[in-house]
């Protein structure tokens, strides 16, 4: 639907506004000229919810990306972190969509919103809410996704977790394993990306039991790390330094084969905050509003270029470092979509490790 942004929220309701408690999942159509979503924007019935889902898929599938291996379209679900109010959540979602479009990506960005107080001291309370919300992400969102895929829906769905949003995403896969119907069904998520991920680096080890359910259901995890992230430095200090965060130090030495790390530190050090677009803490939230990051993410979501060959990455001393480079000049003429349509990639996207 033209003129709206799509948002899924797990917030409770007080009167005509959302509050900071966990509530019933609602699916919203937020007018693009409205800063703060309200409960009145939610779907009004099961029929309207089905219409909402169809609108999202139709928009994603309606403008095929010639650079993508997806048989149909792409949906990116953005999961925010802690200490976020609705105003900044919508600003980030809209800026992310704008940046990806400018870098040639032709999917739809929708938000998954969960209650997180706009107070720094609420960190542990927010993290507890994140665990509770993960259950709802499964029961009210992933279930919808799984049913669509069982009906041969080929729209590619991706996740982007920012900060504690990475924790919410990982916990959702764990909860899905506990649901009998979901456990048995063939649902999957294509690309997962973490920015400033507030999860332990060690949790992304090949032998870690917590991340195991996620890696079983996804095509690839891309972790964007920044050693200058001061918010994650504080998060690590809360744990007395025993669990360095993936968004700050990157992946462990024994990382899962489906995971790749992009070190953004050298590139980040060249950025002037006064000349940058960002929302929140610069060291922790610089990604959204940055076109180089958006270009790298766009090519990651498209899946056509090998993870080690994406031009916005330079291999330095065995590490992939973010760099400001353009897309391949003639990429649009490579016939990627045509090759996929002829059967060059499985319909569900699995088995193609880009």
C-alpha atoms as a PDB file:
ATOM      1  CA  UNK A   1       0.000   0.000   0.000  1.00  0.00           C
ATOM      2  CA  UNK A   2       1.413   3.345  -1.008  1.00  0.00           C
ATOM      3  CA  UNK A   3       2.134   5.901   1.680  1.00  0.00           C
ATOM      4  CA  UNK A   4       2.590   3.517   4.618  1.00  0.00           C
ATOM      5  CA  UNK A   5       5.382   1.724   6.454  1.00  0.00           C
ATOM      6  CA  UNK A   6       4.774  -1.744   7.846  1.00  0.00           C
ATOM      7  CA  UNK A   7       5.509  -2.454  11.502  1.00  0.00           C
ATOM      8  CA  UNK A   8       4.943  -5.427  13.801  1.00  0.00           C
ATOM      9  CA  UNK A   9       4.864  -4.464  17.465  1.00  0.00           C
ATOM     10  CA  UNK A  10       4.796  -6.438  20.714  1.00  0.00           C
ATOM     11  CA  UNK A  11       4.059  -3.422  22.923  1.00  0.00           C
ATOM     12  CA  UNK A  12       1.162  -3.163  25.318  1.00  0.00           C
ATOM     13  CA  UNK A  13      -1.469  -0.464  25.008  1.00  0.00           C
ATOM     14  CA  UNK A  14      -2.609   2.261  27.398  1.00  0.00           C
ATOM     15  CA  UNK A  15      -5.579   4.149  26.050  1.00  0.00           C
ATOM     16  CA  UNK A  16      -4.721   5.419  22.573  1.00  0.00           C
ATOM     17  CA  UNK A  17      -0.959   4.889  22.841  1.00  0.00           C
ATOM     18  CA  UNK A  18       1.594   2.113  23.186  1.00  0.00           C
ATOM     19  CA  UNK A  19       3.382   1.575  26.491  1.00  0.00           C
ATOM     20  CA  UNK A  20       6.578  -0.126  27.674  1.00  0.00           C
ATOM     21  CA  UNK A  21       4.987  -3.457  28.616  1.00  0.00           C
ATOM     22  CA  UNK A  22       4.922  -6.596  26.504  1.00  0.00           C
ATOM     23  CA  UNK A  23       1.505  -6.972  24.910  1.00  0.00           C
ATOM     24  CA  UNK A  24      -0.356  -8.673  22.088  1.00  0.00           C
ATOM     25  CA  UNK A  25       1.341  -8.703  18.697  1.00  0.00           C
ATOM     26  CA  UNK A  26      -0.143  -6.081  16.383  1.00  0.00           C
ATOM     27  CA  UNK A  27       0.462  -5.515  12.675  1.00  0.00           C
ATOM     28  CA  UNK A  28       0.508  -1.829  11.764  1.00  0.00           C
ATOM     29  CA  UNK A  29       0.245   0.301   8.669  1.00  0.00           C
ATOM     30  CA  UNK A  30       2.015   3.514   9.668  1.00  0.00           C
ATOM     31  CA  UNK A  31       1.470   6.522   7.364  1.00  0.00           C
ATOM     32  CA  UNK A  32       4.820   7.758   6.113  1.00  0.00           C
ATOM     33  CA  UNK A  33       4.098  11.271   7.376  1.00  0.00           C
ATOM     34  CA  UNK A  34       3.421  10.101  10.962  1.00  0.00           C
ATOM     35  CA  UNK A  35       6.332  10.060  13.416  1.00  0.00           C
ATOM     36  CA  UNK A  36       4.924   7.835  16.172  1.00  0.00           C
ATOM     37  CA  UNK A  37       2.724   4.767  15.533  1.00  0.00           C
ATOM     38  CA  UNK A  38      -0.507   4.299  17.495  1.00  0.00           C
ATOM     39  CA  UNK A  39      -2.720   1.261  18.192  1.00  0.00           C
ATOM     40  CA  UNK A  40      -5.345   2.677  15.828  1.00  0.00           C
ATOM     41  CA  UNK A  41      -3.030   1.813  12.927  1.00  0.00           C
ATOM     42  CA  UNK A  42      -3.195  -1.932  13.668  1.00  0.00           C
ATOM     43  CA  UNK A  43      -5.095  -4.469  11.591  1.00  0.00           C
ATOM     44  CA  UNK A  44      -8.696  -4.758  12.720  1.00  0.00           C
ATOM     45  CA  UNK A  45      -9.544  -8.416  12.024  1.00  0.00           C
ATOM     46  CA  UNK A  46      -8.190 -11.744  10.779  1.00  0.00           C
ATOM     47  CA  UNK A  47      -9.282 -10.730   7.289  1.00  0.00           C
ATOM     48  CA  UNK A  48      -7.408  -7.447   7.591  1.00  0.00           C
ATOM     49  CA  UNK A  49      -4.323  -9.290   8.905  1.00  0.00           C
ATOM     50  CA  UNK A  50      -4.402 -11.592   5.872  1.00  0.00           C
ATOM     51  CA  UNK A  51      -4.639  -8.490   3.707  1.00  0.00           C
ATOM     52  CA  UNK A  52      -1.639  -6.959   5.552  1.00  0.00           C
ATOM     53  CA  UNK A  53       0.452 -10.057   4.902  1.00  0.00           C
ATOM     54  CA  UNK A  54      -0.559 -10.106   1.229  1.00  0.00           C
ATOM     55  CA  UNK A  55       0.302  -6.418   0.860  1.00  0.00           C
ATOM     56  CA  UNK A  56       3.771  -7.008   2.308  1.00  0.00           C
ATOM     57  CA  UNK A  57       4.460  -9.950  -0.002  1.00  0.00           C
ATOM     58  CA  UNK A  58       3.031  -8.209  -3.059  1.00  0.00           C
ATOM     59  CA  UNK A  59       5.207  -5.142  -2.497  1.00  0.00           C
ATOM     60  CA  UNK A  60       8.293  -7.292  -1.980  1.00  0.00           C
ATOM     61  CA  UNK A  61       7.595  -9.383  -5.071  1.00  0.00           C
ATOM     62  CA  UNK A  62       6.335  -6.580  -7.289  1.00  0.00           C
ATOM     63  CA  UNK A  63       9.671  -5.081  -8.385  1.00  0.00           C
ATOM     64  CA  UNK A  64      12.155  -7.937  -8.990  1.00  0.00           C
ATOM     65  CA  UNK A  65      15.789  -7.197  -8.148  1.00  0.00           C
ATOM     66  CA  UNK A  66      17.924  -8.292 -11.087  1.00  0.00           C
ATOM     67  CA  UNK A  67      20.919  -8.586  -8.759  1.00  0.00           C
ATOM     68  CA  UNK A  68      19.235 -11.005  -6.334  1.00  0.00           C
ATOM     69  CA  UNK A  69      19.217 -14.808  -6.345  1.00  0.00           C
ATOM     70  CA  UNK A  70      15.764 -14.748  -4.729  1.00  0.00           C
ATOM     71  CA  UNK A  71      13.192 -16.399  -6.994  1.00  0.00           C
ATOM     72  CA  UNK A  72      10.626 -13.803  -5.918  1.00  0.00           C
ATOM     73  CA  UNK A  73      11.112 -10.715  -3.731  1.00  0.00           C
ATOM     74  CA  UNK A  74      12.867  -9.923  -0.454  1.00  0.00           C
ATOM     75  CA  UNK A  75      11.615  -8.773   2.949  1.00  0.00           C
ATOM     76  CA  UNK A  76      14.033  -7.470   5.583  1.00  0.00           C
ATOM     77  CA  UNK A  77      12.744  -7.538   9.166  1.00  0.00           C
ATOM     78  CA  UNK A  78      14.577  -4.956  11.279  1.00  0.00           C
ATOM     79  CA  UNK A  79      14.718  -5.798  15.012  1.00  0.00           C
ATOM     80  CA  UNK A  80      15.826  -2.842  17.130  1.00  0.00           C
ATOM     81  CA  UNK A  81      17.800  -2.961  20.365  1.00  0.00           C
ATOM     82  CA  UNK A  82      17.272  -1.675  23.906  1.00  0.00           C
ATOM     83  CA  UNK A  83      16.770   1.939  24.947  1.00  0.00           C
ATOM     84  CA  UNK A  84      14.627   2.821  21.914  1.00  0.00           C
ATOM     85  CA  UNK A  85      11.396   4.781  21.729  1.00  0.00           C
ATOM     86  CA  UNK A  86       8.933   4.606  18.845  1.00  0.00           C
ATOM     87  CA  UNK A  87      10.082   7.862  17.298  1.00  0.00           C
ATOM     88  CA  UNK A  88      13.689   6.731  16.811  1.00  0.00           C
ATOM     89  CA  UNK A  89      12.560   3.234  15.785  1.00  0.00           C
ATOM     90  CA  UNK A  90      10.559   4.630  12.873  1.00  0.00           C
ATOM     91  CA  UNK A  91      13.357   7.014  11.900  1.00  0.00           C
ATOM     92  CA  UNK A  92      15.799   4.113  11.680  1.00  0.00           C
ATOM     93  CA  UNK A  93      13.420   1.869   9.765  1.00  0.00           C
ATOM     94  CA  UNK A  94      12.693   4.598   7.224  1.00  0.00           C
ATOM     95  CA  UNK A  95      16.329   5.616   6.855  1.00  0.00           C
ATOM     96  CA  UNK A  96      17.393   1.987   6.387  1.00  0.00           C
ATOM     97  CA  UNK A  97      14.797   1.518   3.645  1.00  0.00           C
ATOM     98  CA  UNK A  98      15.916   4.751   1.977  1.00  0.00           C
ATOM     99  CA  UNK A  99      19.610   3.790   2.090  1.00  0.00           C
ATOM    100  CA  UNK A 100      19.054   0.263   0.746  1.00  0.00           C
ATOM    101  CA  UNK A 101      16.902   1.571  -2.094  1.00  0.00           C
ATOM    102  CA  UNK A 102      19.583   4.115  -2.981  1.00  0.00           C
ATOM    103  CA  UNK A 103      22.104   1.264  -3.168  1.00  0.00           C
ATOM    104  CA  UNK A 104      19.978  -0.741  -5.591  1.00  0.00           C
ATOM    105  CA  UNK A 105      18.183  -3.142  -3.246  1.00  0.00           C
ATOM    106  CA  UNK A 106      14.538  -3.691  -4.214  1.00  0.00           C
ATOM    107  CA  UNK A 107      13.016  -5.348  -1.184  1.00  0.00           C
ATOM    108  CA  UNK A 108      10.709  -4.188   1.591  1.00  0.00           C
ATOM    109  CA  UNK A 109      11.912  -3.231   5.075  1.00  0.00           C
ATOM    110  CA  UNK A 110       9.456  -3.898   7.888  1.00  0.00           C
ATOM    111  CA  UNK A 111      10.095  -3.351  11.589  1.00  0.00           C
ATOM    112  CA  UNK A 112       9.683  -5.728  14.506  1.00  0.00           C
ATOM    113  CA  UNK A 113       9.199  -3.511  17.548  1.00  0.00           C
ATOM    114  CA  UNK A 114       9.408  -4.641  21.152  1.00  0.00           C
ATOM    115  CA  UNK A 115       9.039  -2.567  24.338  1.00  0.00           C
ATOM    116  CA  UNK A 116      12.347  -1.060  25.385  1.00  0.00           C
ATOM    117  CA  UNK A 117      12.489   1.916  27.710  1.00  0.00           C
ATOM    118  CA  UNK A 118      14.260   5.047  26.549  1.00  0.00           C
ATOM    119  CA  UNK A 119      16.395   4.951  29.692  1.00  0.00           C
ATOM    120  CA  UNK A 120      19.971   3.666  29.799  1.00  0.00           C
ATOM    121  CA  UNK A 121      19.539   2.238  33.310  1.00  0.00           C
ATOM    122  CA  UNK A 122      16.738  -0.044  32.030  1.00  0.00           C
ATOM    123  CA  UNK A 123      19.255  -2.276  30.219  1.00  0.00           C
ATOM    124  CA  UNK A 124      18.686  -5.478  32.216  1.00  0.00           C
ATOM    125  CA  UNK A 125      14.915  -4.969  32.302  1.00  0.00           C
ATOM    126  CA  UNK A 126      14.922  -4.515  28.522  1.00  0.00           C
ATOM    127  CA  UNK A 127      16.983  -7.665  28.062  1.00  0.00           C
ATOM    128  CA  UNK A 128      14.432  -9.598  30.101  1.00  0.00           C
ATOM    129  CA  UNK A 129      11.685  -8.189  27.896  1.00  0.00           C
ATOM    130  CA  UNK A 130      13.692  -9.283  24.872  1.00  0.00           C
ATOM    131  CA  UNK A 131      13.579 -12.895  26.037  1.00  0.00           C
ATOM    132  CA  UNK A 132       9.815 -12.655  26.547  1.00  0.00           C
ATOM    133  CA  UNK A 133       9.326 -11.000  23.164  1.00  0.00           C
ATOM    134  CA  UNK A 134      11.290 -13.765  21.414  1.00  0.00           C
ATOM    135  CA  UNK A 135       8.463 -16.156  22.271  1.00  0.00           C
ATOM    136  CA  UNK A 136       6.015 -13.801  20.561  1.00  0.00           C
ATOM    137  CA  UNK A 137       8.303 -13.415  17.553  1.00  0.00           C
ATOM    138  CA  UNK A 138       7.892 -17.177  17.140  1.00  0.00           C
ATOM    139  CA  UNK A 139       4.228 -17.629  17.985  1.00  0.00           C
ATOM    140  CA  UNK A 140       2.876 -14.606  16.123  1.00  0.00           C
ATOM    141  CA  UNK A 141       5.434 -13.848  13.407  1.00  0.00           C
ATOM    142  CA  UNK A 142       7.573 -16.858  12.527  1.00  0.00           C
ATOM    143  CA  UNK A 143       4.445 -19.019  12.533  1.00  0.00           C
ATOM    144  CA  UNK A 144       2.972 -16.780   9.837  1.00  0.00           C
ATOM    145  CA  UNK A 145       6.211 -17.073   7.901  1.00  0.00           C
ATOM    146  CA  UNK A 146       6.294 -20.874   8.268  1.00  0.00           C
ATOM    147  CA  UNK A 147       2.725 -21.250   7.072  1.00  0.00           C
ATOM    148  CA  UNK A 148       3.490 -19.135   4.029  1.00  0.00           C
ATOM    149  CA  UNK A 149       6.485 -21.270   3.126  1.00  0.00           C
ATOM    150  CA  UNK A 150       4.520 -24.488   3.567  1.00  0.00           C
ATOM    151  CA  UNK A 151       2.138 -23.057   0.957  1.00  0.00           C
ATOM    152  CA  UNK A 152       5.093 -22.592  -1.453  1.00  0.00           C
ATOM    153  CA  UNK A 153       5.585 -18.878  -0.793  1.00  0.00           C
ATOM    154  CA  UNK A 154       9.039 -18.123  -2.199  1.00  0.00           C
ATOM    155  CA  UNK A 155       9.503 -14.586  -0.872  1.00  0.00           C
ATOM    156  CA  UNK A 156      12.907 -14.424   0.820  1.00  0.00           C
ATOM    157  CA  UNK A 157      12.771 -13.210   4.423  1.00  0.00           C
ATOM    158  CA  UNK A 158      15.887 -11.781   6.108  1.00  0.00           C
ATOM    159  CA  UNK A 159      16.569 -10.489   9.639  1.00  0.00           C
ATOM    160  CA  UNK A 160      18.667  -7.528  10.759  1.00  0.00           C
ATOM    161  CA  UNK A 161      19.251  -7.341  14.512  1.00  0.00           C
ATOM    162  CA  UNK A 162      20.688  -4.182  16.051  1.00  0.00           C
ATOM    163  CA  UNK A 163      22.260  -4.381  19.523  1.00  0.00           C
ATOM    164  CA  UNK A 164      19.927  -6.394  21.776  1.00  0.00           C
ATOM    165  CA  UNK A 165      17.856  -7.082  18.672  1.00  0.00           C
ATOM    166  CA  UNK A 166      20.495  -9.706  17.855  1.00  0.00           C
ATOM    167  CA  UNK A 167      19.685 -11.383  21.169  1.00  0.00           C
ATOM    168  CA  UNK A 168      15.950 -11.318  20.385  1.00  0.00           C
ATOM    169  CA  UNK A 169      16.592 -12.900  16.980  1.00  0.00           C
ATOM    170  CA  UNK A 170      18.774 -15.707  18.347  1.00  0.00           C
ATOM    171  CA  UNK A 171      16.374 -16.489  21.179  1.00  0.00           C
ATOM    172  CA  UNK A 172      13.486 -16.664  18.688  1.00  0.00           C
ATOM    173  CA  UNK A 173      15.142 -19.586  16.898  1.00  0.00           C
ATOM    174  CA  UNK A 174      15.601 -21.348  20.232  1.00  0.00           C
ATOM    175  CA  UNK A 175      11.919 -20.907  21.064  1.00  0.00           C
ATOM    176  CA  UNK A 176      10.932 -22.183  17.626  1.00  0.00           C
ATOM    177  CA  UNK A 177      12.706 -25.460  18.371  1.00  0.00           C
ATOM    178  CA  UNK A 178      10.351 -25.946  21.316  1.00  0.00           C
ATOM    179  CA  UNK A 179       7.240 -25.626  19.160  1.00  0.00           C
ATOM    180  CA  UNK A 180       6.308 -29.043  17.788  1.00  0.00           C
ATOM    181  CA  UNK A 181       4.686 -27.828  14.576  1.00  0.00           C
ATOM    182  CA  UNK A 182       7.447 -25.330  13.795  1.00  0.00           C
ATOM    183  CA  UNK A 183      10.154 -27.845  14.636  1.00  0.00           C
ATOM    184  CA  UNK A 184       8.753 -30.286  12.078  1.00  0.00           C
ATOM    185  CA  UNK A 185       8.027 -27.761   9.323  1.00  0.00           C
ATOM    186  CA  UNK A 186      10.456 -26.562   6.668  1.00  0.00           C
ATOM    187  CA  UNK A 187      10.414 -22.849   7.550  1.00  0.00           C
ATOM    188  CA  UNK A 188      13.643 -20.907   7.144  1.00  0.00           C
ATOM    189  CA  UNK A 189      15.166 -17.442   7.063  1.00  0.00           C
ATOM    190  CA  UNK A 190      17.622 -16.499   4.335  1.00  0.00           C
ATOM    191  CA  UNK A 191      20.208 -13.916   5.438  1.00  0.00           C
ATOM    192  CA  UNK A 192      20.653 -12.790   9.043  1.00  0.00           C
ATOM    193  CA  UNK A 193      22.824  -9.791   9.884  1.00  0.00           C
ATOM    194  CA  UNK A 194      23.859  -8.312  13.225  1.00  0.00           C
ATOM    195  CA  UNK A 195      24.973  -4.714  13.670  1.00  0.00           C
ATOM    196  CA  UNK A 196      26.463  -3.784  17.053  1.00  0.00           C
ATOM    197  CA  UNK A 197      25.282  -7.216  18.150  1.00  0.00           C
ATOM    198  CA  UNK A 198      24.939  -7.412  21.928  1.00  0.00           C
ATOM    199  CA  UNK A 199      25.519 -11.158  22.148  1.00  0.00           C
ATOM    200  CA  UNK A 200      28.630 -12.950  23.352  1.00  0.00           C
ATOM    201  CA  UNK A 201      31.140 -13.617  20.611  1.00  0.00           C
ATOM    202  CA  UNK A 202      31.514 -17.150  21.976  1.00  0.00           C
ATOM    203  CA  UNK A 203      27.801 -17.790  21.381  1.00  0.00           C
ATOM    204  CA  UNK A 204      28.508 -17.888  17.640  1.00  0.00           C
ATOM    205  CA  UNK A 205      30.875 -20.821  17.992  1.00  0.00           C
ATOM    206  CA  UNK A 206      30.201 -23.912  15.885  1.00  0.00           C
ATOM    207  CA  UNK A 207      29.605 -25.927  19.074  1.00  0.00           C
ATOM    208  CA  UNK A 208      27.416 -23.428  20.934  1.00  0.00           C
ATOM    209  CA  UNK A 209      24.008 -24.844  21.835  1.00  0.00           C
ATOM    210  CA  UNK A 210      22.228 -21.460  21.940  1.00  0.00           C
ATOM    211  CA  UNK A 211      23.055 -20.441  18.355  1.00  0.00           C
ATOM    212  CA  UNK A 212      22.640 -23.959  16.970  1.00  0.00           C
ATOM    213  CA  UNK A 213      18.898 -23.605  16.222  1.00  0.00           C
ATOM    214  CA  UNK A 214      19.544 -20.361  14.323  1.00  0.00           C
ATOM    215  CA  UNK A 215      22.287 -21.774  12.131  1.00  0.00           C
ATOM    216  CA  UNK A 216      20.092 -24.768  11.310  1.00  0.00           C
ATOM    217  CA  UNK A 217      17.404 -22.515   9.826  1.00  0.00           C
ATOM    218  CA  UNK A 218      19.400 -19.806   8.018  1.00  0.00           C
ATOM    219  CA  UNK A 219      21.533 -19.430   4.930  1.00  0.00           C
ATOM    220  CA  UNK A 220      24.158 -17.061   6.306  1.00  0.00           C
ATOM    221  CA  UNK A 221      24.943 -14.857   9.322  1.00  0.00           C
ATOM    222  CA  UNK A 222      26.925 -11.672   8.732  1.00  0.00           C
ATOM    223  CA  UNK A 223      28.228  -9.994  11.867  1.00  0.00           C
ATOM    224  CA  UNK A 224      29.312  -6.353  11.490  1.00  0.00           C
ATOM    225  CA  UNK A 225      31.782  -5.529  14.265  1.00  0.00           C
ATOM    226  CA  UNK A 226      33.278  -2.233  15.392  1.00  0.00           C
ATOM    227  CA  UNK A 227      36.060  -2.179  18.019  1.00  0.00           C
ATOM    228  CA  UNK A 228      35.222   1.468  18.764  1.00  0.00           C
ATOM    229  CA  UNK A 229      31.671   0.691  19.968  1.00  0.00           C
ATOM    230  CA  UNK A 230      31.506   2.382  23.373  1.00  0.00           C
ATOM    231  CA  UNK A 231      28.025   1.070  24.233  1.00  0.00           C
ATOM    232  CA  UNK A 232      29.181  -2.525  23.842  1.00  0.00           C
ATOM    233  CA  UNK A 233      32.271  -1.705  25.881  1.00  0.00           C
ATOM    234  CA  UNK A 234      29.905  -0.776  28.707  1.00  0.00           C
ATOM    235  CA  UNK A 235      27.866  -3.932  28.112  1.00  0.00           C
ATOM    236  CA  UNK A 236      31.029  -6.013  28.414  1.00  0.00           C
ATOM    237  CA  UNK A 237      32.002  -4.190  31.605  1.00  0.00           C
ATOM    238  CA  UNK A 238      28.645  -5.156  33.146  1.00  0.00           C
ATOM    239  CA  UNK A 239      29.773  -8.756  32.706  1.00  0.00           C
ATOM    240  CA  UNK A 240      33.198  -8.077  34.239  1.00  0.00           C
ATOM    241  CA  UNK A 241      34.825  -8.612  30.852  1.00  0.00           C
ATOM    242  CA  UNK A 242      34.139 -12.355  30.678  1.00  0.00           C
ATOM    243  CA  UNK A 243      31.857 -12.325  27.610  1.00  0.00           C
ATOM    244  CA  UNK A 244      33.138  -9.918  24.909  1.00  0.00           C
ATOM    245  CA  UNK A 245      30.323  -8.843  22.596  1.00  0.00           C
ATOM    246  CA  UNK A 246      30.255  -9.972  18.969  1.00  0.00           C
ATOM    247  CA  UNK A 247      29.439  -6.460  17.786  1.00  0.00           C
ATOM    248  CA  UNK A 248      32.712  -5.196  19.258  1.00  0.00           C
ATOM    249  CA  UNK A 249      35.255  -8.030  18.914  1.00  0.00           C
ATOM    250  CA  UNK A 250      33.769 -10.054  16.058  1.00  0.00           C
ATOM    251  CA  UNK A 251      33.415 -13.819  15.744  1.00  0.00           C
ATOM    252  CA  UNK A 252      35.244 -16.446  17.827  1.00  0.00           C
ATOM    253  CA  UNK A 253      38.115 -18.451  16.331  1.00  0.00           C
ATOM    254  CA  UNK A 254      35.849 -21.488  16.028  1.00  0.00           C
ATOM    255  CA  UNK A 255      32.922 -19.641  14.448  1.00  0.00           C
ATOM    256  CA  UNK A 256      30.197 -21.566  12.652  1.00  0.00           C
ATOM    257  CA  UNK A 257      30.874 -22.084   8.933  1.00  0.00           C
ATOM    258  CA  UNK A 258      27.702 -20.157   8.064  1.00  0.00           C
ATOM    259  CA  UNK A 259      28.972 -17.056   9.889  1.00  0.00           C
ATOM    260  CA  UNK A 260      31.190 -14.332   8.502  1.00  0.00           C
ATOM    261  CA  UNK A 261      32.521 -11.189  10.171  1.00  0.00           C
ATOM    262  CA  UNK A 262      32.960  -7.761   8.600  1.00  0.00           C
ATOM    263  CA  UNK A 263      35.243  -5.556  10.693  1.00  0.00           C
ATOM    264  CA  UNK A 264      34.077  -1.951  10.310  1.00  0.00           C
ATOM    265  CA  UNK A 265      36.692  -0.417  12.626  1.00  0.00           C
ATOM    266  CA  UNK A 266      39.115   1.141  10.135  1.00  0.00           C
ATOM    267  CA  UNK A 267      36.290   2.545   8.031  1.00  0.00           C
ATOM    268  CA  UNK A 268      34.392   3.829  11.077  1.00  0.00           C
ATOM    269  CA  UNK A 269      37.505   5.680  12.282  1.00  0.00           C
ATOM    270  CA  UNK A 270      37.368   7.853   9.131  1.00  0.00           C
ATOM    271  CA  UNK A 271      33.792   9.048   9.743  1.00  0.00           C
ATOM    272  CA  UNK A 272      32.999  12.531  11.012  1.00  0.00           C
ATOM    273  CA  UNK A 273      29.881  12.445  13.225  1.00  0.00           C
ATOM    274  CA  UNK A 274      29.166  16.064  12.305  1.00  0.00           C
ATOM    275  CA  UNK A 275      28.832  15.050   8.654  1.00  0.00           C
ATOM    276  CA  UNK A 276      27.023  11.764   9.255  1.00  0.00           C
ATOM    277  CA  UNK A 277      23.377  10.769   9.449  1.00  0.00           C
ATOM    278  CA  UNK A 278      22.645   8.632  12.509  1.00  0.00           C
ATOM    279  CA  UNK A 279      20.120   8.175  15.316  1.00  0.00           C
ATOM    280  CA  UNK A 280      21.293   7.579  18.882  1.00  0.00           C
ATOM    281  CA  UNK A 281      24.868   6.885  19.996  1.00  0.00           C
ATOM    282  CA  UNK A 282      27.241   7.331  17.042  1.00  0.00           C
ATOM    283  CA  UNK A 283      29.673   4.514  17.860  1.00  0.00           C
ATOM    284  CA  UNK A 284      26.794   2.078  18.361  1.00  0.00           C
ATOM    285  CA  UNK A 285      24.312   3.224  15.719  1.00  0.00           C
ATOM    286  CA  UNK A 286      26.315   4.736  12.848  1.00  0.00           C
ATOM    287  CA  UNK A 287      25.293   1.994  10.397  1.00  0.00           C
ATOM    288  CA  UNK A 288      21.808   3.273   9.588  1.00  0.00           C
ATOM    289  CA  UNK A 289      22.357   6.414   7.578  1.00  0.00           C
ATOM    290  CA  UNK A 290      25.678   5.218   6.149  1.00  0.00           C
ATOM    291  CA  UNK A 291      25.629   4.366   2.452  1.00  0.00           C
ATOM    292  CA  UNK A 292      28.751   2.176   2.483  1.00  0.00           C
ATOM    293  CA  UNK A 293      27.205  -0.085   5.098  1.00  0.00           C
ATOM    294  CA  UNK A 294      23.928  -0.086   3.149  1.00  0.00           C
ATOM    295  CA  UNK A 295      25.771  -1.092  -0.041  1.00  0.00           C
ATOM    296  CA  UNK A 296      27.459  -3.996   1.716  1.00  0.00           C
ATOM    297  CA  UNK A 297      24.186  -5.101   3.313  1.00  0.00           C
ATOM    298  CA  UNK A 298      22.346  -4.849  -0.008  1.00  0.00           C
ATOM    299  CA  UNK A 299      24.801  -7.180  -1.736  1.00  0.00           C
ATOM    300  CA  UNK A 300      24.706  -9.506   1.273  1.00  0.00           C
ATOM    301  CA  UNK A 301      20.914  -9.766   1.103  1.00  0.00           C
ATOM    302  CA  UNK A 302      21.005 -10.325  -2.661  1.00  0.00           C
ATOM    303  CA  UNK A 303      23.299 -13.313  -2.236  1.00  0.00           C
ATOM    304  CA  UNK A 304      24.786 -13.215  -5.743  1.00  0.00           C
ATOM    305  CA  UNK A 305      28.371 -12.341  -4.801  1.00  0.00           C
ATOM    306  CA  UNK A 306      30.493 -14.612  -2.602  1.00  0.00           C
ATOM    307  CA  UNK A 307      30.940 -13.238   0.911  1.00  0.00           C
ATOM    308  CA  UNK A 308      34.699 -12.903   0.395  1.00  0.00           C
ATOM    309  CA  UNK A 309      34.289 -11.100  -2.949  1.00  0.00           C
ATOM    310  CA  UNK A 310      31.766  -8.378  -2.039  1.00  0.00           C
ATOM    311  CA  UNK A 311      33.664  -5.265  -3.189  1.00  0.00           C
ATOM    312  CA  UNK A 312      32.897  -3.260  -0.043  1.00  0.00           C
ATOM    313  CA  UNK A 313      35.144  -5.733   1.820  1.00  0.00           C
ATOM    314  CA  UNK A 314      38.928  -5.934   1.721  1.00  0.00           C
ATOM    315  CA  UNK A 315      40.769  -9.012   2.951  1.00  0.00           C
ATOM    316  CA  UNK A 316      43.475  -7.712   5.295  1.00  0.00           C
ATOM    317  CA  UNK A 317      45.510 -10.106   7.388  1.00  0.00           C
ATOM    318  CA  UNK A 318      42.838 -12.763   7.087  1.00  0.00           C
ATOM    319  CA  UNK A 319      40.021 -10.393   8.155  1.00  0.00           C
ATOM    320  CA  UNK A 320      37.308  -8.826   6.014  1.00  0.00           C
ATOM    321  CA  UNK A 321      37.423  -5.046   6.477  1.00  0.00           C
ATOM    322  CA  UNK A 322      34.641  -2.702   5.362  1.00  0.00           C
ATOM    323  CA  UNK A 323      35.748  -0.281   2.645  1.00  0.00           C
ATOM    324  CA  UNK A 324      34.138   2.318   0.385  1.00  0.00           C
ATOM    325  CA  UNK A 325      33.999   0.659  -3.028  1.00  0.00           C
ATOM    326  CA  UNK A 326      31.193   0.595  -5.631  1.00  0.00           C
ATOM    327  CA  UNK A 327      29.223  -2.363  -6.885  1.00  0.00           C
ATOM    328  CA  UNK A 328      30.725  -4.247  -9.843  1.00  0.00           C
ATOM    329  CA  UNK A 329      30.246  -1.939 -12.811  1.00  0.00           C
ATOM    330  CA  UNK A 330      28.312  -4.332 -15.040  1.00  0.00           C
ATOM    331  CA  UNK A 331      26.532  -6.341 -12.345  1.00  0.00           C
ATOM    332  CA  UNK A 332      23.074  -5.394 -13.627  1.00  0.00           C
ATOM    333  CA  UNK A 333      23.915  -7.098 -16.949  1.00  0.00           C
ATOM    334  CA  UNK A 334      25.100 -10.415 -15.485  1.00  0.00           C
ATOM    335  CA  UNK A 335      21.697 -12.067 -15.865  1.00  0.00           C
ATOM    336  CA  UNK A 336      21.550 -13.134 -12.203  1.00  0.00           C
ATOM    337  CA  UNK A 337      17.767 -13.198 -11.957  1.00  0.00           C
ATOM    338  CA  UNK A 338      17.412 -15.086 -15.234  1.00  0.00           C
ATOM    339  CA  UNK A 339      19.891 -17.730 -14.085  1.00  0.00           C
ATOM    340  CA  UNK A 340      17.982 -18.155 -10.827  1.00  0.00           C
ATOM    341  CA  UNK A 341      14.664 -18.450 -12.669  1.00  0.00           C
ATOM    342  CA  UNK A 342      16.111 -21.240 -14.833  1.00  0.00           C
ATOM    343  CA  UNK A 343      16.853 -23.242 -11.702  1.00  0.00           C
ATOM    344  CA  UNK A 344      20.302 -21.983 -10.787  1.00  0.00           C
ATOM    345  CA  UNK A 345      19.285 -21.765  -7.129  1.00  0.00           C
ATOM    346  CA  UNK A 346      16.863 -23.826  -5.025  1.00  0.00           C
ATOM    347  CA  UNK A 347      13.411 -22.298  -4.564  1.00  0.00           C
ATOM    348  CA  UNK A 348      13.912 -21.963  -0.841  1.00  0.00           C
ATOM    349  CA  UNK A 349      17.358 -20.420  -1.102  1.00  0.00           C
ATOM    350  CA  UNK A 350      18.936 -23.128   1.051  1.00  0.00           C
ATOM    351  CA  UNK A 351      22.156 -24.750   0.005  1.00  0.00           C
ATOM    352  CA  UNK A 352      23.536 -21.658  -1.719  1.00  0.00           C
ATOM    353  CA  UNK A 353      26.215 -20.305   0.589  1.00  0.00           C
ATOM    354  CA  UNK A 354      27.156 -16.877  -0.710  1.00  0.00           C
END
